[in-house]
Structure formats: C-alpha cells, structure tokens
Amino acid sequence: MRLKVGERVFFHRRGDITGLYAAEVNGTSLDVKHLPADDPYPRYAHAVRAGTTMVTLTFTTNGKKSEIALITIVVTADSGQSER
C-alpha cells in the first residue's frame, strides 16, 4: 500500500472482537492512534514521514495468536496518487 505524508490508514474489524484484535507496527513512517486514548487496540495510523513500515494484523482466539495480514506501507512525500 502507498500513502502520502498526511494520509491515514484505518484498521477495521467486524463484530465484538475488540479484545482479540491487534496490530503490530514495525517502522517509523506511521504514527499509530488509539481511540479512545486509553484503548490499547490501534484504530488507525497516520503517515508522518517518508519511509516503509510493516503492519501485522493479528487475531487471538482460544489463547492462540494468528496473523490475519502482513501489510507493507510505503509513505511518500510526493503529490502522486495513493494506491490502495
């Protein structure tokens, strides 16, 4: 996925699985936001600087953590179109 600095990517889930869903971020181009502030589960990431960040979405059930997706997000400072 490609984003420009200033854009956001949202982590969406369906159903009542808040306590089971998480996102792990490896990189410095995204600033992960939690809504509300005391909620430990990320809701979206804001592209803050050019670079590449890996996001791993996980789901835990019956004590077992499973990867849902591994997403590479490339943040650019140019004015080109975002690809999603």
C-alpha atoms as a PDB file:
ATOM      1  CA  MET A   1       0.000   0.000   0.000  1.00  0.00           C
ATOM      2  CA  ARG A   2       1.234   3.505  -0.792  1.00  0.00           C
ATOM      3  CA  LEU A   3       0.301   6.606   1.200  1.00  0.00           C
ATOM      4  CA  LYS A   4       1.368  10.228   1.065  1.00  0.00           C
ATOM      5  CA  VAL A   5       2.531  12.032   4.197  1.00  0.00           C
ATOM      6  CA  GLY A   6      -0.612  13.267   5.958  1.00  0.00           C
ATOM      7  CA  GLU A   7      -2.891  10.419   4.857  1.00  0.00           C
ATOM      8  CA  ARG A   8      -4.355   7.771   7.185  1.00  0.00           C
ATOM      9  CA  VAL A   9      -4.956   4.048   7.039  1.00  0.00           C
ATOM     10  CA  PHE A  10      -7.725   2.576   9.209  1.00  0.00           C
ATOM     11  CA  PHE A  11      -7.683  -0.847  10.889  1.00  0.00           C
ATOM     12  CA  HIS A  12     -11.248  -2.151  10.677  1.00  0.00           C
ATOM     13  CA  ARG A  13     -12.811  -5.196  12.248  1.00  0.00           C
ATOM     14  CA  ARG A  14     -16.322  -6.619  12.302  1.00  0.00           C
ATOM     15  CA  GLY A  15     -18.187  -7.861  15.321  1.00  0.00           C
ATOM     16  CA  ASP A  16     -17.387  -7.735  19.005  1.00  0.00           C
ATOM     17  CA  ILE A  17     -13.740  -8.858  18.900  1.00  0.00           C
ATOM     18  CA  THR A  18     -12.013  -5.788  20.289  1.00  0.00           C
ATOM     19  CA  GLY A  19     -10.046  -7.744  22.897  1.00  0.00           C
ATOM     20  CA  LEU A  20      -8.894 -10.277  20.322  1.00  0.00           C
ATOM     21  CA  TYR A  21      -7.707  -7.993  17.528  1.00  0.00           C
ATOM     22  CA  ALA A  22      -4.362  -6.175  17.405  1.00  0.00           C
ATOM     23  CA  ALA A  23      -1.898  -4.537  15.029  1.00  0.00           C
ATOM     24  CA  GLU A  24       1.872  -4.594  15.409  1.00  0.00           C
ATOM     25  CA  VAL A  25       3.833  -1.861  13.624  1.00  0.00           C
ATOM     26  CA  ASN A  26       7.498  -2.129  12.623  1.00  0.00           C
ATOM     27  CA  GLY A  27       8.802   1.124  11.165  1.00  0.00           C
ATOM     28  CA  THR A  28       8.767   4.874  11.751  1.00  0.00           C
ATOM     29  CA  SER A  29       6.712   6.277   8.867  1.00  0.00           C
ATOM     30  CA  LEU A  30       3.375   5.749  10.679  1.00  0.00           C
ATOM     31  CA  ASP A  31       2.040   7.165  13.949  1.00  0.00           C
ATOM     32  CA  VAL A  32      -0.455   4.662  15.380  1.00  0.00           C
ATOM     33  CA  LYS A  33      -3.541   6.178  17.024  1.00  0.00           C
ATOM     34  CA  HIS A  34      -5.726   4.622  19.692  1.00  0.00           C
ATOM     35  CA  LEU A  35      -9.358   5.683  20.080  1.00  0.00           C
ATOM     36  CA  PRO A  36     -10.252   6.360  22.833  1.00  0.00           C
ATOM     37  CA  ALA A  37      -6.857   7.306  24.275  1.00  0.00           C
ATOM     38  CA  ASP A  38      -6.960   4.562  26.940  1.00  0.00           C
ATOM     39  CA  ASP A  39      -7.851   1.816  24.423  1.00  0.00           C
ATOM     40  CA  PRO A  40      -4.821  -0.461  23.816  1.00  0.00           C
ATOM     41  CA  TYR A  41      -6.034  -1.587  20.368  1.00  0.00           C
ATOM     42  CA  PRO A  42      -4.919   0.563  17.418  1.00  0.00           C
ATOM     43  CA  ARG A  43      -7.649   2.043  15.245  1.00  0.00           C
ATOM     44  CA  TYR A  44      -5.689   3.905  12.578  1.00  0.00           C
ATOM     45  CA  ALA A  45      -2.229   5.046  11.573  1.00  0.00           C
ATOM     46  CA  HIS A  46      -1.279   8.482  10.316  1.00  0.00           C
ATOM     47  CA  ALA A  47       1.514   8.738   7.706  1.00  0.00           C
ATOM     48  CA  VAL A  48       4.009  11.127   9.312  1.00  0.00           C
ATOM     49  CA  ARG A  49       7.227  10.763   7.280  1.00  0.00           C
ATOM     50  CA  ALA A  50       8.543   9.125   4.134  1.00  0.00           C
ATOM     51  CA  GLY A  51       9.658   5.533   4.605  1.00  0.00           C
ATOM     52  CA  THR A  52       8.431   1.948   4.771  1.00  0.00           C
ATOM     53  CA  THR A  53       6.527   0.387   7.665  1.00  0.00           C
ATOM     54  CA  MET A  54       5.324  -3.191   8.088  1.00  0.00           C
ATOM     55  CA  VAL A  55       1.967  -3.729   9.814  1.00  0.00           C
ATOM     56  CA  THR A  56       0.978  -7.183  11.084  1.00  0.00           C
ATOM     57  CA  LEU A  57      -2.705  -7.632  11.899  1.00  0.00           C
ATOM     58  CA  THR A  58      -3.379 -10.432  14.384  1.00  0.00           C
ATOM     59  CA  PHE A  59      -6.360 -12.153  15.954  1.00  0.00           C
ATOM     60  CA  THR A  60      -6.226 -14.186  19.167  1.00  0.00           C
ATOM     61  CA  THR A  61      -8.725 -16.936  19.931  1.00  0.00           C
ATOM     62  CA  ASN A  62      -8.518 -19.747  22.478  1.00  0.00           C
ATOM     63  CA  GLY A  63      -5.125 -18.388  23.538  1.00  0.00           C
ATOM     64  CA  LYS A  64      -3.681 -18.819  20.044  1.00  0.00           C
ATOM     65  CA  LYS A  65      -2.465 -15.766  18.116  1.00  0.00           C
ATOM     66  CA  SER A  66      -2.902 -15.907  14.350  1.00  0.00           C
ATOM     67  CA  GLU A  67      -1.683 -13.463  11.717  1.00  0.00           C
ATOM     68  CA  ILE A  68      -4.512 -12.104   9.604  1.00  0.00           C
ATOM     69  CA  ALA A  69      -2.408  -9.974   7.277  1.00  0.00           C
ATOM     70  CA  LEU A  70       1.072  -8.579   6.772  1.00  0.00           C
ATOM     71  CA  ILE A  71       0.905  -5.193   5.043  1.00  0.00           C
ATOM     72  CA  THR A  72       3.821  -3.173   3.692  1.00  0.00           C
ATOM     73  CA  ILE A  73       3.026   0.528   3.712  1.00  0.00           C
ATOM     74  CA  VAL A  74       5.281   2.852   1.733  1.00  0.00           C
ATOM     75  CA  VAL A  75       4.873   6.522   2.646  1.00  0.00           C
ATOM     76  CA  THR A  76       5.982   9.100   0.101  1.00  0.00           C
ATOM     77  CA  ALA A  77       6.316  12.862   0.373  1.00  0.00           C
ATOM     78  CA  ASP A  78       5.354  13.446  -3.283  1.00  0.00           C
ATOM     79  CA  SER A  79       1.984  14.530  -4.589  1.00  0.00           C
ATOM     80  CA  GLY A  80       1.300  11.334  -6.558  1.00  0.00           C
ATOM     81  CA  GLN A  81      -1.912   9.345  -6.263  1.00  0.00           C
ATOM     82  CA  SER A  82      -2.234   6.885  -3.390  1.00  0.00           C
ATOM     83  CA  GLU A  83      -2.608   3.228  -4.295  1.00  0.00           C
ATOM     84  CA  ARG A  84      -4.935   1.096  -2.188  1.00  0.00           C
END
